[in-house]
């Protein structure tokens, strides 16, 4: 098994979750997150003044996938999340040495 952490923009999270569901992934964890990558935040205007917003809203999706399916899942997730603009997201693939124990 491998542990995948998928970080995407909020407006593409539903399409990524739909792809994960279509592929038969049984369970996932979804969290709201904030962060930044190469885009380093953005400038906002409020009441005539500019201020920097360092952390952008993100959605973090965590799933367990069998090793034989990791490449397929990553490819389909990236296709669903890609908009072609900077900050589309990241997929972290973490190998595990522990068995998954369900209770």
PDB file of N, CA and C in Angstrom:
ATOM      1  N   UNK A   1       0.846  -1.184   0.000  1.00  0.00           N
ATOM      2  CA  UNK A   1       0.000   0.000   0.000  1.00  0.00           C
ATOM      3  C   UNK A   1       0.887   1.241   0.000  1.00  0.00           C
ATOM      4  N   UNK A   2       0.357   2.281  -0.608  1.00  0.00           N
ATOM      5  CA  UNK A   2       1.014   3.590  -0.604  1.00  0.00           C
ATOM      6  C   UNK A   2      -0.002   4.610  -0.118  1.00  0.00           C
ATOM      7  N   UNK A   3       0.519   5.629   0.539  1.00  0.00           N
ATOM      8  CA  UNK A   3      -0.305   6.702   1.086  1.00  0.00           C
ATOM      9  C   UNK A   3      -0.149   7.901   0.170  1.00  0.00           C
ATOM     10  N   UNK A   4      -1.233   8.373  -0.415  1.00  0.00           N
ATOM     11  CA  UNK A   4      -1.203   9.523  -1.306  1.00  0.00           C
ATOM     12  C   UNK A   4      -1.822  10.722  -0.609  1.00  0.00           C
ATOM     13  N   UNK A   5      -1.109  11.839  -0.651  1.00  0.00           N
ATOM     14  CA  UNK A   5      -1.637  13.108  -0.179  1.00  0.00           C
ATOM     15  C   UNK A   5      -1.744  14.007  -1.394  1.00  0.00           C
ATOM     16  N   UNK A   6      -2.946  14.430  -1.696  1.00  0.00           N
ATOM     17  CA  UNK A   6      -3.230  15.226  -2.880  1.00  0.00           C
ATOM     18  C   UNK A   6      -3.656  16.615  -2.405  1.00  0.00           C
ATOM     19  N   UNK A   7      -2.965  17.638  -2.873  1.00  0.00           N
ATOM     20  CA  UNK A   7      -3.298  19.014  -2.486  1.00  0.00           C
ATOM     21  C   UNK A   7      -3.690  19.768  -3.740  1.00  0.00           C
ATOM     22  N   UNK A   8      -4.928  20.278  -3.766  1.00  0.00           N
ATOM     23  CA  UNK A   8      -5.458  20.950  -4.957  1.00  0.00           C
ATOM     24  C   UNK A   8      -6.186  22.229  -4.569  1.00  0.00           C
ATOM     25  N   UNK A   9      -6.520  23.001  -5.590  1.00  0.00           N
ATOM     26  CA  UNK A   9      -7.328  24.191  -5.381  1.00  0.00           C
ATOM     27  C   UNK A   9      -8.759  23.774  -5.033  1.00  0.00           C
ATOM     28  N   UNK A  10      -9.458  24.571  -4.225  1.00  0.00           N
ATOM     29  CA  UNK A  10     -10.806  24.178  -3.789  1.00  0.00           C
ATOM     30  C   UNK A  10     -11.803  23.943  -4.920  1.00  0.00           C
ATOM     31  N   UNK A  11     -11.718  24.703  -6.007  1.00  0.00           N
ATOM     32  CA  UNK A  11     -12.722  24.559  -7.054  1.00  0.00           C
ATOM     33  C   UNK A  11     -12.541  23.302  -7.907  1.00  0.00           C
ATOM     34  N   UNK A  12     -11.423  22.592  -7.793  1.00  0.00           N
ATOM     35  CA  UNK A  12     -11.248  21.333  -8.531  1.00  0.00           C
ATOM     36  C   UNK A  12     -11.348  20.119  -7.612  1.00  0.00           C
ATOM     37  N   UNK A  13     -11.527  20.347  -6.320  1.00  0.00           N
ATOM     38  CA  UNK A  13     -11.567  19.234  -5.365  1.00  0.00           C
ATOM     39  C   UNK A  13     -12.689  18.251  -5.673  1.00  0.00           C
ATOM     40  N   UNK A  14     -13.858  18.743  -6.043  1.00  0.00           N
ATOM     41  CA  UNK A  14     -14.989  17.846  -6.329  1.00  0.00           C
ATOM     42  C   UNK A  14     -14.698  16.930  -7.521  1.00  0.00           C
ATOM     43  N   UNK A  15     -14.053  17.456  -8.563  1.00  0.00           N
ATOM     44  CA  UNK A  15     -13.735  16.611  -9.718  1.00  0.00           C
ATOM     45  C   UNK A  15     -12.667  15.580  -9.363  1.00  0.00           C
ATOM     46  N   UNK A  16     -11.721  15.942  -8.518  1.00  0.00           N
ATOM     47  CA  UNK A  16     -10.707  14.982  -8.069  1.00  0.00           C
ATOM     48  C   UNK A  16     -11.364  13.893  -7.224  1.00  0.00           C
ATOM     49  N   UNK A  17     -12.256  14.275  -6.327  1.00  0.00           N
ATOM     50  CA  UNK A  17     -12.959  13.290  -5.510  1.00  0.00           C
ATOM     51  C   UNK A  17     -13.832  12.373  -6.362  1.00  0.00           C
ATOM     52  N   UNK A  18     -14.420  12.905  -7.429  1.00  0.00           N
ATOM     53  CA  UNK A  18     -15.223  12.079  -8.336  1.00  0.00           C
ATOM     54  C   UNK A  18     -14.342  11.040  -9.029  1.00  0.00           C
ATOM     55  N   UNK A  19     -13.164  11.437  -9.464  1.00  0.00           N
ATOM     56  CA  UNK A  19     -12.233  10.502 -10.111  1.00  0.00           C
ATOM     57  C   UNK A  19     -11.804   9.415  -9.132  1.00  0.00           C
ATOM     58  N   UNK A  20     -11.494   9.822  -7.909  1.00  0.00           N
ATOM     59  CA  UNK A  20     -11.084   8.851  -6.894  1.00  0.00           C
ATOM     60  C   UNK A  20     -12.209   7.848  -6.637  1.00  0.00           C
ATOM     61  N   UNK A  21     -13.424   8.339  -6.555  1.00  0.00           N
ATOM     62  CA  UNK A  21     -14.575   7.468  -6.327  1.00  0.00           C
ATOM     63  C   UNK A  21     -14.794   6.516  -7.500  1.00  0.00           C
ATOM     64  N   UNK A  22     -14.674   7.027  -8.733  1.00  0.00           N
ATOM     65  CA  UNK A  22     -14.828   6.190  -9.928  1.00  0.00           C
ATOM     66  C   UNK A  22     -13.811   5.053  -9.965  1.00  0.00           C
ATOM     67  N   UNK A  23     -12.627   5.305  -9.438  1.00  0.00           N
ATOM     68  CA  UNK A  23     -11.561   4.305  -9.470  1.00  0.00           C
ATOM     69  C   UNK A  23     -11.707   3.261  -8.370  1.00  0.00           C
ATOM     70  N   UNK A  24     -12.703   3.403  -7.524  1.00  0.00           N
ATOM     71  CA  UNK A  24     -12.976   2.398  -6.516  1.00  0.00           C
ATOM     72  C   UNK A  24     -12.177   2.543  -5.236  1.00  0.00           C
ATOM     73  N   UNK A  25     -11.617   3.724  -4.994  1.00  0.00           N
ATOM     74  CA  UNK A  25     -10.940   3.953  -3.718  1.00  0.00           C
ATOM     75  C   UNK A  25     -12.023   4.044  -2.655  1.00  0.00           C
ATOM     76  N   UNK A  26     -11.918   3.181  -1.660  1.00  0.00           N
ATOM     77  CA  UNK A  26     -12.998   3.028  -0.689  1.00  0.00           C
ATOM     78  C   UNK A  26     -13.124   4.173   0.306  1.00  0.00           C
ATOM     79  N   UNK A  27     -11.994   4.723   0.718  1.00  0.00           N
ATOM     80  CA  UNK A  27     -12.057   5.724   1.778  1.00  0.00           C
ATOM     81  C   UNK A  27     -11.042   6.826   1.523  1.00  0.00           C
ATOM     82  N   UNK A  28     -11.373   8.010   1.991  1.00  0.00           N
ATOM     83  CA  UNK A  28     -10.440   9.132   1.885  1.00  0.00           C
ATOM     84  C   UNK A  28     -10.719  10.107   3.022  1.00  0.00           C
ATOM     85  N   UNK A  29      -9.736  10.957   3.255  1.00  0.00           N
ATOM     86  CA  UNK A  29      -9.884  12.016   4.242  1.00  0.00           C
ATOM     87  C   UNK A  29      -9.722  13.335   3.505  1.00  0.00           C
ATOM     88  N   UNK A  30     -10.620  14.280   3.755  1.00  0.00           N
ATOM     89  CA  UNK A  30     -10.568  15.576   3.089  1.00  0.00           C
ATOM     90  C   UNK A  30     -10.434  16.648   4.168  1.00  0.00           C
ATOM     91  N   UNK A  31      -9.447  17.532   3.975  1.00  0.00           N
ATOM     92  CA  UNK A  31      -9.222  18.615   4.930  1.00  0.00           C
ATOM     93  C   UNK A  31      -9.095  19.934   4.186  1.00  0.00           C
ATOM     94  N   UNK A  32      -9.532  21.001   4.814  1.00  0.00           N
ATOM     95  CA  UNK A  32      -9.249  22.335   4.291  1.00  0.00           C
ATOM     96  C   UNK A  32      -7.852  22.697   4.765  1.00  0.00           C
ATOM     97  N   UNK A  33      -7.070  23.301   3.871  1.00  0.00           N
ATOM     98  CA  UNK A  33      -5.702  23.674   4.218  1.00  0.00           C
ATOM     99  C   UNK A  33      -5.394  25.048   3.644  1.00  0.00           C
ATOM    100  N   UNK A  34      -4.326  25.636   4.101  1.00  0.00           N
ATOM    101  CA  UNK A  34      -3.836  26.892   3.553  1.00  0.00           C
ATOM    102  C   UNK A  34      -2.352  26.725   3.299  1.00  0.00           C
ATOM    103  N   UNK A  35      -1.867  27.356   2.249  1.00  0.00           N
ATOM    104  CA  UNK A  35      -0.445  27.270   1.960  1.00  0.00           C
ATOM    105  C   UNK A  35      -0.107  28.034   0.703  1.00  0.00           C
ATOM    106  N   UNK A  36       1.149  27.949   0.329  1.00  0.00           N
ATOM    107  CA  UNK A  36       1.579  28.579  -0.913  1.00  0.00           C
ATOM    108  C   UNK A  36       2.737  27.794  -1.490  1.00  0.00           C
ATOM    109  N   UNK A  37       2.927  27.935  -2.774  1.00  0.00           N
ATOM    110  CA  UNK A  37       4.034  27.307  -3.479  1.00  0.00           C
ATOM    111  C   UNK A  37       4.815  28.377  -4.202  1.00  0.00           C
ATOM    112  N   UNK A  38       5.053  28.151  -5.476  1.00  0.00           N
ATOM    113  CA  UNK A  38       5.821  29.112  -6.259  1.00  0.00           C
ATOM    114  C   UNK A  38       5.110  30.435  -6.439  1.00  0.00           C
ATOM    115  N   UNK A  39       3.772  30.448  -6.335  1.00  0.00           N
ATOM    116  CA  UNK A  39       3.045  31.694  -6.562  1.00  0.00           C
ATOM    117  C   UNK A  39       3.197  32.665  -5.402  1.00  0.00           C
ATOM    118  N   UNK A  40       3.629  32.224  -4.237  1.00  0.00           N
ATOM    119  CA  UNK A  40       3.912  33.064  -3.070  1.00  0.00           C
ATOM    120  C   UNK A  40       2.753  33.959  -2.652  1.00  0.00           C
ATOM    121  N   UNK A  41       1.547  33.474  -2.727  1.00  0.00           N
ATOM    122  CA  UNK A  41       0.390  34.256  -2.312  1.00  0.00           C
ATOM    123  C   UNK A  41      -0.026  35.245  -3.388  1.00  0.00           C
ATOM    124  N   UNK A  42      -0.775  36.253  -3.004  1.00  0.00           N
ATOM    125  CA  UNK A  42      -1.260  37.246  -3.947  1.00  0.00           C
ATOM    126  C   UNK A  42      -1.583  38.533  -3.200  1.00  0.00           C
ATOM    127  N   UNK A  43      -1.810  39.597  -3.957  1.00  0.00           N
ATOM    128  CA  UNK A  43      -2.163  40.883  -3.365  1.00  0.00           C
ATOM    129  C   UNK A  43      -3.672  41.070  -3.397  1.00  0.00           C
ATOM    130  N   UNK A  44      -4.212  41.559  -2.323  1.00  0.00           N
ATOM    131  CA  UNK A  44      -5.634  41.877  -2.225  1.00  0.00           C
ATOM    132  C   UNK A  44      -5.807  43.375  -2.008  1.00  0.00           C
ATOM    133  N   UNK A  45      -6.959  43.882  -2.395  1.00  0.00           N
ATOM    134  CA  UNK A  45      -7.296  45.266  -2.085  1.00  0.00           C
ATOM    135  C   UNK A  45      -8.505  45.253  -1.161  1.00  0.00           C
ATOM    136  N   UNK A  46      -8.419  46.049  -0.114  1.00  0.00           N
ATOM    137  CA  UNK A  46      -9.516  46.150   0.833  1.00  0.00           C
ATOM    138  C   UNK A  46      -9.596  47.594   1.289  1.00  0.00           C
ATOM    139  N   UNK A  47     -10.733  48.203   1.044  1.00  0.00           N
ATOM    140  CA  UNK A  47     -10.977  49.601   1.416  1.00  0.00           C
ATOM    141  C   UNK A  47      -9.860  50.525   0.931  1.00  0.00           C
ATOM    142  N   UNK A  48      -9.450  50.301  -0.313  1.00  0.00           N
ATOM    143  CA  UNK A  48      -8.478  51.192  -0.929  1.00  0.00           C
ATOM    144  C   UNK A  48      -7.028  50.868  -0.642  1.00  0.00           C
ATOM    145  N   UNK A  49      -6.754  49.955   0.263  1.00  0.00           N
ATOM    146  CA  UNK A  49      -5.364  49.610   0.582  1.00  0.00           C
ATOM    147  C   UNK A  49      -5.030  48.210   0.096  1.00  0.00           C
ATOM    148  N   UNK A  50      -3.774  47.999  -0.277  1.00  0.00           N
ATOM    149  CA  UNK A  50      -3.336  46.675  -0.697  1.00  0.00           C
ATOM    150  C   UNK A  50      -2.696  45.954   0.471  1.00  0.00           C
ATOM    151  N   UNK A  51      -2.913  44.654   0.518  1.00  0.00           N
ATOM    152  CA  UNK A  51      -2.238  43.841   1.515  1.00  0.00           C
ATOM    153  C   UNK A  51      -1.947  42.481   0.900  1.00  0.00           C
ATOM    154  N   UNK A  52      -0.899  41.846   1.377  1.00  0.00           N
ATOM    155  CA  UNK A  52      -0.482  40.547   0.837  1.00  0.00           C
ATOM    156  C   UNK A  52      -1.173  39.425   1.598  1.00  0.00           C
ATOM    157  N   UNK A  53      -1.636  38.453   0.858  1.00  0.00           N
ATOM    158  CA  UNK A  53      -2.193  37.244   1.445  1.00  0.00           C
ATOM    159  C   UNK A  53      -1.188  36.135   1.184  1.00  0.00           C
ATOM    160  N   UNK A  54      -0.519  35.680   2.229  1.00  0.00           N
ATOM    161  CA  UNK A  54       0.571  34.725   2.062  1.00  0.00           C
ATOM    162  C   UNK A  54       0.064  33.301   1.870  1.00  0.00           C
ATOM    163  N   UNK A  55      -1.064  32.972   2.427  1.00  0.00           N
ATOM    164  CA  UNK A  55      -1.548  31.602   2.365  1.00  0.00           C
ATOM    165  C   UNK A  55      -2.813  31.520   1.531  1.00  0.00           C
ATOM    166  N   UNK A  56      -2.786  30.657   0.532  1.00  0.00           N
ATOM    167  CA  UNK A  56      -3.937  30.467  -0.343  1.00  0.00           C
ATOM    168  C   UNK A  56      -4.760  29.279   0.128  1.00  0.00           C
ATOM    169  N   UNK A  57      -6.076  29.305  -0.099  1.00  0.00           N
ATOM    170  CA  UNK A  57      -6.901  28.171   0.307  1.00  0.00           C
ATOM    171  C   UNK A  57      -6.611  26.950  -0.568  1.00  0.00           C
ATOM    172  N   UNK A  58      -6.502  25.802   0.061  1.00  0.00           N
ATOM    173  CA  UNK A  58      -6.259  24.529  -0.616  1.00  0.00           C
ATOM    174  C   UNK A  58      -7.151  23.467   0.005  1.00  0.00           C
ATOM    175  N   UNK A  59      -7.244  22.322  -0.668  1.00  0.00           N
ATOM    176  CA  UNK A  59      -7.933  21.156  -0.129  1.00  0.00           C
ATOM    177  C   UNK A  59      -6.933  20.008  -0.140  1.00  0.00           C
ATOM    178  N   UNK A  60      -6.813  19.325   0.982  1.00  0.00           N
ATOM    179  CA  UNK A  60      -5.895  18.191   1.108  1.00  0.00           C
ATOM    180  C   UNK A  60      -6.717  16.908   1.161  1.00  0.00           C
ATOM    181  N   UNK A  61      -6.431  15.992   0.253  1.00  0.00           N
ATOM    182  CA  UNK A  61      -7.140  14.711   0.175  1.00  0.00           C
ATOM    183  C   UNK A  61      -6.119  13.610   0.438  1.00  0.00           C
ATOM    184  N   UNK A  62      -6.402  12.739   1.392  1.00  0.00           N
ATOM    185  CA  UNK A  62      -5.500  11.640   1.727  1.00  0.00           C
ATOM    186  C   UNK A  62      -6.189  10.321   1.446  1.00  0.00           C
ATOM    187  N   UNK A  63      -5.472   9.428   0.741  1.00  0.00           N
ATOM    188  CA  UNK A  63      -6.031   8.109   0.401  1.00  0.00           C
ATOM    189  C   UNK A  63      -4.941   7.043   0.495  1.00  0.00           C
ATOM    190  N   UNK A  64      -5.367   5.805   0.642  1.00  0.00           N
ATOM    191  CA  UNK A  64      -4.486   4.641   0.579  1.00  0.00           C
ATOM    192  C   UNK A  64      -4.764   3.931  -0.735  1.00  0.00           C
ATOM    193  N   UNK A  65      -3.703   3.574  -1.452  1.00  0.00           N
ATOM    194  CA  UNK A  65      -3.846   2.922  -2.753  1.00  0.00           C
ATOM    195  C   UNK A  65      -2.893   1.730  -2.815  1.00  0.00           C
ATOM    196  N   UNK A  66      -3.340   0.650  -3.442  1.00  0.00           N
ATOM    197  CA  UNK A  66      -2.458  -0.494  -3.652  1.00  0.00           C
ATOM    198  C   UNK A  66      -1.347  -0.113  -4.614  1.00  0.00           C
ATOM    199  N   UNK A  67      -0.151  -0.665  -4.395  1.00  0.00           N
ATOM    200  CA  UNK A  67       1.021  -0.279  -5.181  1.00  0.00           C
ATOM    201  C   UNK A  67       0.808  -0.440  -6.683  1.00  0.00           C
ATOM    202  N   UNK A  68       0.067  -1.431  -7.093  1.00  0.00           N
ATOM    203  CA  UNK A  68      -0.138  -1.686  -8.527  1.00  0.00           C
ATOM    204  C   UNK A  68      -0.994  -0.616  -9.192  1.00  0.00           C
ATOM    205  N   UNK A  69      -1.738   0.155  -8.410  1.00  0.00           N
ATOM    206  CA  UNK A  69      -2.652   1.146  -8.976  1.00  0.00           C
ATOM    207  C   UNK A  69      -2.187   2.586  -8.807  1.00  0.00           C
ATOM    208  N   UNK A  70      -1.052   2.797  -8.145  1.00  0.00           N
ATOM    209  CA  UNK A  70      -0.602   4.150  -7.816  1.00  0.00           C
ATOM    210  C   UNK A  70      -0.431   5.012  -9.064  1.00  0.00           C
ATOM    211  N   UNK A  71       0.274   4.507 -10.065  1.00  0.00           N
ATOM    212  CA  UNK A  71       0.523   5.305 -11.270  1.00  0.00           C
ATOM    213  C   UNK A  71      -0.772   5.717 -11.960  1.00  0.00           C
ATOM    214  N   UNK A  72      -1.718   4.800 -12.036  1.00  0.00           N
ATOM    215  CA  UNK A  72      -3.004   5.087 -12.678  1.00  0.00           C
ATOM    216  C   UNK A  72      -3.777   6.152 -11.896  1.00  0.00           C
ATOM    217  N   UNK A  73      -3.807   6.012 -10.585  1.00  0.00           N
ATOM    218  CA  UNK A  73      -4.531   6.974  -9.749  1.00  0.00           C
ATOM    219  C   UNK A  73      -3.893   8.354  -9.870  1.00  0.00           C
ATOM    220  N   UNK A  74      -2.566   8.433  -9.776  1.00  0.00           N
ATOM    221  CA  UNK A  74      -1.873   9.721  -9.858  1.00  0.00           C
ATOM    222  C   UNK A  74      -2.131  10.378 -11.214  1.00  0.00           C
ATOM    223  N   UNK A  75      -2.057   9.606 -12.269  1.00  0.00           N
ATOM    224  CA  UNK A  75      -2.285  10.156 -13.616  1.00  0.00           C
ATOM    225  C   UNK A  75      -3.699  10.721 -13.760  1.00  0.00           C
ATOM    226  N   UNK A  76      -4.687   9.994 -13.299  1.00  0.00           N
ATOM    227  CA  UNK A  76      -6.075  10.463 -13.426  1.00  0.00           C
ATOM    228  C   UNK A  76      -6.364  11.658 -12.527  1.00  0.00           C
ATOM    229  N   UNK A  77      -5.767  11.683 -11.332  1.00  0.00           N
ATOM    230  CA  UNK A  77      -5.945  12.821 -10.428  1.00  0.00           C
ATOM    231  C   UNK A  77      -5.327  14.071 -11.036  1.00  0.00           C
ATOM    232  N   UNK A  78      -4.129  13.934 -11.585  1.00  0.00           N
ATOM    233  CA  UNK A  78      -3.469  15.085 -12.197  1.00  0.00           C
ATOM    234  C   UNK A  78      -4.262  15.608 -13.387  1.00  0.00           C
ATOM    235  N   UNK A  79      -4.831  14.710 -14.167  1.00  0.00           N
ATOM    236  CA  UNK A  79      -5.645  15.131 -15.313  1.00  0.00           C
ATOM    237  C   UNK A  79      -6.891  15.890 -14.846  1.00  0.00           C
ATOM    238  N   UNK A  80      -7.496  15.433 -13.757  1.00  0.00           N
ATOM    239  CA  UNK A  80      -8.706  16.091 -13.241  1.00  0.00           C
ATOM    240  C   UNK A  80      -8.399  17.445 -12.610  1.00  0.00           C
ATOM    241  N   UNK A  81      -7.210  17.596 -12.021  1.00  0.00           N
ATOM    242  CA  UNK A  81      -6.891  18.809 -11.273  1.00  0.00           C
ATOM    243  C   UNK A  81      -6.172  19.867 -12.106  1.00  0.00           C
ATOM    244  N   UNK A  82      -5.604  19.486 -13.221  1.00  0.00           N
ATOM    245  CA  UNK A  82      -4.768  20.412 -13.983  1.00  0.00           C
ATOM    246  C   UNK A  82      -5.603  21.477 -14.697  1.00  0.00           C
ATOM    247  N   UNK A  83      -5.239  22.735 -14.447  1.00  0.00           N
ATOM    248  CA  UNK A  83      -5.870  23.859 -15.152  1.00  0.00           C
ATOM    249  C   UNK A  83      -4.873  24.534 -16.084  1.00  0.00           C
ATOM    250  N   UNK A  84      -3.582  24.208 -15.926  1.00  0.00           N
ATOM    251  CA  UNK A  84      -2.551  24.814 -16.753  1.00  0.00           C
ATOM    252  C   UNK A  84      -1.974  26.090 -16.160  1.00  0.00           C
ATOM    253  N   UNK A  85      -2.444  26.463 -14.987  1.00  0.00           N
ATOM    254  CA  UNK A  85      -1.948  27.677 -14.334  1.00  0.00           C
ATOM    255  C   UNK A  85      -1.080  27.282 -13.144  1.00  0.00           C
ATOM    256  N   UNK A  86      -0.265  28.209 -12.707  1.00  0.00           N
ATOM    257  CA  UNK A  86       0.616  27.945 -11.583  1.00  0.00           C
ATOM    258  C   UNK A  86      -0.203  27.656 -10.324  1.00  0.00           C
ATOM    259  N   UNK A  87       0.272  26.721  -9.511  1.00  0.00           N
ATOM    260  CA  UNK A  87      -0.406  26.403  -8.251  1.00  0.00           C
ATOM    261  C   UNK A  87      -1.526  25.396  -8.376  1.00  0.00           C
ATOM    262  N   UNK A  88      -1.524  24.584  -9.437  1.00  0.00           N
ATOM    263  CA  UNK A  88      -2.583  23.586  -9.599  1.00  0.00           C
ATOM    264  C   UNK A  88      -2.619  22.584  -8.448  1.00  0.00           C
ATOM    265  N   UNK A  89      -1.476  22.199  -7.941  1.00  0.00           N
ATOM    266  CA  UNK A  89      -1.471  21.287  -6.811  1.00  0.00           C
ATOM    267  C   UNK A  89      -0.261  20.385  -6.787  1.00  0.00           C
ATOM    268  N   UNK A  90      -0.289  19.449  -5.855  1.00  0.00           N
ATOM    269  CA  UNK A  90       0.792  18.498  -5.686  1.00  0.00           C
ATOM    270  C   UNK A  90       0.206  17.153  -5.295  1.00  0.00           C
ATOM    271  N   UNK A  91       0.945  16.081  -5.646  1.00  0.00           N
ATOM    272  CA  UNK A  91       0.596  14.740  -5.202  1.00  0.00           C
ATOM    273  C   UNK A  91       1.843  14.155  -4.550  1.00  0.00           C
ATOM    274  N   UNK A  92       1.733  13.792  -3.280  1.00  0.00           N
ATOM    275  CA  UNK A  92       2.827  13.163  -2.562  1.00  0.00           C
ATOM    276  C   UNK A  92       2.527  11.677  -2.441  1.00  0.00           C
ATOM    277  N   UNK A  93       3.456  10.836  -2.875  1.00  0.00           N
ATOM    278  CA  UNK A  93       3.302   9.385  -2.787  1.00  0.00           C
ATOM    279  C   UNK A  93       4.288   8.896  -1.729  1.00  0.00           C
ATOM    280  N   UNK A  94       3.751   8.320  -0.666  1.00  0.00           N
ATOM    281  CA  UNK A  94       4.576   7.891   0.461  1.00  0.00           C
ATOM    282  C   UNK A  94       4.490   6.376   0.606  1.00  0.00           C
ATOM    283  N   UNK A  95       5.642   5.691   0.524  1.00  0.00           N
ATOM    284  CA  UNK A  95       5.613   4.240   0.754  1.00  0.00           C
ATOM    285  C   UNK A  95       5.356   3.961   2.233  1.00  0.00           C
ATOM    286  N   UNK A  96       4.732   2.846   2.523  1.00  0.00           N
ATOM    287  CA  UNK A  96       4.443   2.489   3.906  1.00  0.00           C
ATOM    288  C   UNK A  96       5.011   1.126   4.226  1.00  0.00           C
ATOM    289  N   UNK A  97       5.464   0.976   5.438  1.00  0.00           N
ATOM    290  CA  UNK A  97       5.979  -0.312   5.895  1.00  0.00           C
ATOM    291  C   UNK A  97       4.994  -0.975   6.839  1.00  0.00           C
ATOM    292  N   UNK A  98       3.988  -0.225   7.279  1.00  0.00           N
ATOM    293  CA  UNK A  98       3.031  -0.754   8.233  1.00  0.00           C
ATOM    294  C   UNK A  98       1.794  -1.274   7.520  1.00  0.00           C
ATOM    295  N   UNK A  99       1.222  -2.331   8.041  1.00  0.00           N
ATOM    296  CA  UNK A  99      -0.054  -2.785   7.474  1.00  0.00           C
ATOM    297  C   UNK A  99      -1.184  -1.846   7.886  1.00  0.00           C
ATOM    298  N   UNK A 100      -2.203  -1.782   7.083  1.00  0.00           N
ATOM    299  CA  UNK A 100      -3.371  -0.998   7.420  1.00  0.00           C
ATOM    300  C   UNK A 100      -4.278  -1.877   8.285  1.00  0.00           C
ATOM    301  N   UNK A 101      -4.582  -1.404   9.475  1.00  0.00           N
ATOM    302  CA  UNK A 101      -5.416  -2.165  10.409  1.00  0.00           C
ATOM    303  C   UNK A 101      -6.743  -1.444  10.535  1.00  0.00           C
ATOM    304  N   UNK A 102      -7.800  -2.092  10.098  1.00  0.00           N
ATOM    305  CA  UNK A 102      -9.126  -1.495  10.201  1.00  0.00           C
ATOM    306  C   UNK A 102      -9.804  -1.991  11.469  1.00  0.00           C
ATOM    307  N   UNK A 103     -10.543  -1.113  12.103  1.00  0.00           N
ATOM    308  CA  UNK A 103     -11.286  -1.522  13.312  1.00  0.00           C
ATOM    309  C   UNK A 103     -12.658  -0.949  13.296  1.00  0.00           C
TER     310      UNK A 103
END
